[in-house]
C-alpha atoms as a PDB file:
ATOM      1  CA  MET A   1     -42.622  23.467 -70.221  1.00  0.00           C
ATOM      2  CA  ARG A   2     -41.666  21.424 -73.257  1.00  0.00           C
ATOM      3  CA  ARG A   3     -43.772  18.502 -74.408  1.00  0.00           C
ATOM      4  CA  TYR A   4     -42.531  15.795 -76.704  1.00  0.00           C
ATOM      5  CA  THR A   5     -44.305  12.963 -78.422  1.00  0.00           C
ATOM      6  CA  LEU A   6     -42.111   9.945 -79.049  1.00  0.00           C
ATOM      7  CA  GLU A   7     -43.038   6.711 -80.726  1.00  0.00           C
ATOM      8  CA  ALA A   8     -41.095   3.817 -79.195  1.00  0.00           C
ATOM      9  CA  ASP A   9     -39.924   0.900 -81.232  1.00  0.00           C
ATOM     10  CA  SER A  10     -40.773  -2.598 -80.037  1.00  0.00           C
ATOM     11  CA  SER A  11     -37.629  -2.757 -77.901  1.00  0.00           C
ATOM     12  CA  GLY A  12     -38.593   0.356 -75.931  1.00  0.00           C
ATOM     13  CA  ALA A  13     -35.128   1.806 -76.518  1.00  0.00           C
ATOM     14  CA  VAL A  14     -36.346   5.378 -77.004  1.00  0.00           C
ATOM     15  CA  ILE A  15     -38.345   5.394 -73.783  1.00  0.00           C
ATOM     16  CA  ALA A  16     -35.542   3.763 -71.783  1.00  0.00           C
ATOM     17  CA  THR A  17     -33.116   6.428 -72.996  1.00  0.00           C
ATOM     18  CA  VAL A  18     -35.435   9.319 -72.126  1.00  0.00           C
ATOM     19  CA  LEU A  19     -36.230   7.913 -68.676  1.00  0.00           C
ATOM     20  CA  SER A  20     -32.529   7.678 -67.849  1.00  0.00           C
ATOM     21  CA  LEU A  21     -31.600  11.273 -68.735  1.00  0.00           C
ATOM     22  CA  ASP A  22     -30.164  13.152 -65.767  1.00  0.00           C
ATOM     23  CA  ASP A  23     -31.377  16.599 -66.791  1.00  0.00           C
ATOM     24  CA  VAL A  24     -35.013  15.553 -67.218  1.00  0.00           C
ATOM     25  CA  MET A  25     -37.472  15.888 -64.385  1.00  0.00           C
ATOM     26  CA  GLY A  26     -40.720  13.888 -64.478  1.00  0.00           C
ATOM     27  CA  VAL A  27     -41.223  11.674 -67.528  1.00  0.00           C
ATOM     28  CA  LEU A  28     -44.239   9.459 -68.193  1.00  0.00           C
ATOM     29  CA  ALA A  29     -44.871   7.040 -71.029  1.00  0.00           C
ATOM     30  CA  ILE A  30     -48.525   6.191 -71.629  1.00  0.00           C
ATOM     31  CA  ASP A  31     -50.273   3.797 -73.955  1.00  0.00           C
ATOM     32  CA  GLU A  32     -53.150   4.539 -76.331  1.00  0.00           C
ATOM     33  CA  LEU A  33     -55.651   4.342 -73.451  1.00  0.00           C
ATOM     34  CA  GLY A  34     -53.744   6.726 -71.197  1.00  0.00           C
ATOM     35  CA  MET A  35     -52.427   3.994 -68.898  1.00  0.00           C
ATOM     36  CA  ILE A  36     -48.990   4.762 -67.495  1.00  0.00           C
ATOM     37  CA  ARG A  37     -46.602   2.172 -68.867  1.00  0.00           C
ATOM     38  CA  ASN A  38     -43.357   3.639 -67.595  1.00  0.00           C
ATOM     39  CA  CYS A  39     -42.133   6.546 -65.539  1.00  0.00           C
ATOM     40  CA  ASN A  40     -38.988   7.718 -63.830  1.00  0.00           C
ATOM     41  CA  GLU A  41     -38.384   8.229 -60.120  1.00  0.00           C
ATOM     42  CA  TYR A  42     -39.044  11.977 -60.334  1.00  0.00           C
ATOM     43  CA  VAL A  43     -42.687  11.279 -61.178  1.00  0.00           C
ATOM     44  CA  SER A  44     -42.935   9.137 -58.070  1.00  0.00           C
ATOM     45  CA  ARG A  45     -41.586  12.015 -55.971  1.00  0.00           C
ATOM     46  CA  ILE A  46     -43.816  14.621 -57.626  1.00  0.00           C
ATOM     47  CA  PHE A  47     -47.073  12.711 -57.123  1.00  0.00           C
ATOM     48  CA  GLY A  48     -46.199  10.772 -53.955  1.00  0.00           C
ATOM     49  CA  HIS A  49     -47.020   7.337 -55.366  1.00  0.00           C
ATOM     50  CA  SER A  50     -44.649   4.405 -55.710  1.00  0.00           C
ATOM     51  CA  MET A  51     -43.472   3.619 -59.219  1.00  0.00           C
ATOM     52  CA  GLU A  52     -45.288   0.280 -58.968  1.00  0.00           C
ATOM     53  CA  LYS A  53     -48.550   2.085 -58.155  1.00  0.00           C
ATOM     54  CA  LEU A  54     -48.035   4.662 -60.923  1.00  0.00           C
ATOM     55  CA  ASN A  55     -47.557   1.885 -63.481  1.00  0.00           C
ATOM     56  CA  THR A  56     -51.108   0.687 -62.749  1.00  0.00           C
ATOM     57  CA  MET A  57     -52.760   4.118 -63.029  1.00  0.00           C
ATOM     58  CA  ASN A  58     -54.273   6.120 -65.856  1.00  0.00           C
ATOM     59  CA  VAL A  59     -52.511   9.427 -66.429  1.00  0.00           C
ATOM     60  CA  ALA A  60     -55.878  11.179 -66.009  1.00  0.00           C
ATOM     61  CA  ASP A  61     -55.813  10.068 -62.351  1.00  0.00           C
ATOM     62  CA  LEU A  62     -52.924  12.488 -61.824  1.00  0.00           C
ATOM     63  CA  MET A  63     -54.704  15.462 -63.412  1.00  0.00           C
ATOM     64  CA  PRO A  64     -56.957  17.999 -61.758  1.00  0.00           C
ATOM     65  CA  ARG A  65     -60.472  18.528 -63.059  1.00  0.00           C
ATOM     66  CA  PRO A  66     -61.536  19.489 -65.696  1.00  0.00           C
ATOM     67  CA  TYR A  67     -58.488  18.102 -67.531  1.00  0.00           C
ATOM     68  CA  SER A  68     -58.943  14.583 -66.170  1.00  0.00           C
ATOM     69  CA  LEU A  69     -62.553  14.465 -67.349  1.00  0.00           C
ATOM     70  CA  PHE A  70     -61.644  15.137 -70.970  1.00  0.00           C
ATOM     71  CA  HIS A  71     -58.342  13.312 -71.311  1.00  0.00           C
ATOM     72  CA  SER A  72     -59.748  10.159 -72.931  1.00  0.00           C
ATOM     73  CA  GLN A  73     -61.498  12.368 -75.522  1.00  0.00           C
ATOM     74  CA  TYR A  74     -58.238  14.192 -76.116  1.00  0.00           C
ATOM     75  CA  ILE A  75     -56.398  10.915 -76.767  1.00  0.00           C
ATOM     76  CA  LYS A  76     -59.085   9.750 -79.219  1.00  0.00           C
ATOM     77  CA  ARG A  77     -58.883  13.002 -81.161  1.00  0.00           C
ATOM     78  CA  TYR A  78     -55.091  12.934 -81.136  1.00  0.00           C
ATOM     79  CA  LYS A  79     -55.059   9.377 -82.536  1.00  0.00           C
ATOM     80  CA  ALA A  80     -57.500  10.461 -85.250  1.00  0.00           C
ATOM     81  CA  GLY A  81     -55.075  13.205 -86.269  1.00  0.00           C
ATOM     82  CA  ARG A  82     -57.197  16.006 -84.858  1.00  0.00           C
ATOM     83  CA  ARG A  83     -55.030  17.870 -82.420  1.00  0.00           C
ATOM     84  CA  CYS A  84     -56.429  20.382 -80.028  1.00  0.00           C
ATOM     85  CA  LYS A  85     -55.176  22.380 -77.104  1.00  0.00           C
ATOM     86  CA  LEU A  86     -56.626  21.018 -73.882  1.00  0.00           C
ATOM     87  CA  THR A  87     -57.525  23.955 -71.658  1.00  0.00           C
ATOM     88  CA  ARG A  88     -60.129  24.748 -69.060  1.00  0.00           C
ATOM     89  CA  TRP A  89     -62.046  26.725 -71.654  1.00  0.00           C
ATOM     90  CA  ASN A  90     -61.571  24.351 -74.537  1.00  0.00           C
ATOM     91  CA  PRO A  91     -61.784  20.708 -73.410  1.00  0.00           C
ATOM     92  CA  CYS A  92     -61.573  19.609 -77.071  1.00  0.00           C
END
């Protein structure tokens, strides 16, 4: 699985382009708190929630434990420039 980190400009053009790609499966855009700010219809199908519901959820709500428990810590470390691999054995 490939993971990409994209910084959107104020118009959201980058995110809108990625969400509309036909060859991409589930795509989520989250804010600095982990709140889902945008997603495509594949995410709705994968998790069984409406897109409206998903856009009110934190991405950690979609993760199994232990990943969901440590996701806010992971975001804080990422923002501070300290990247780590989030695994069951190394929750950052």
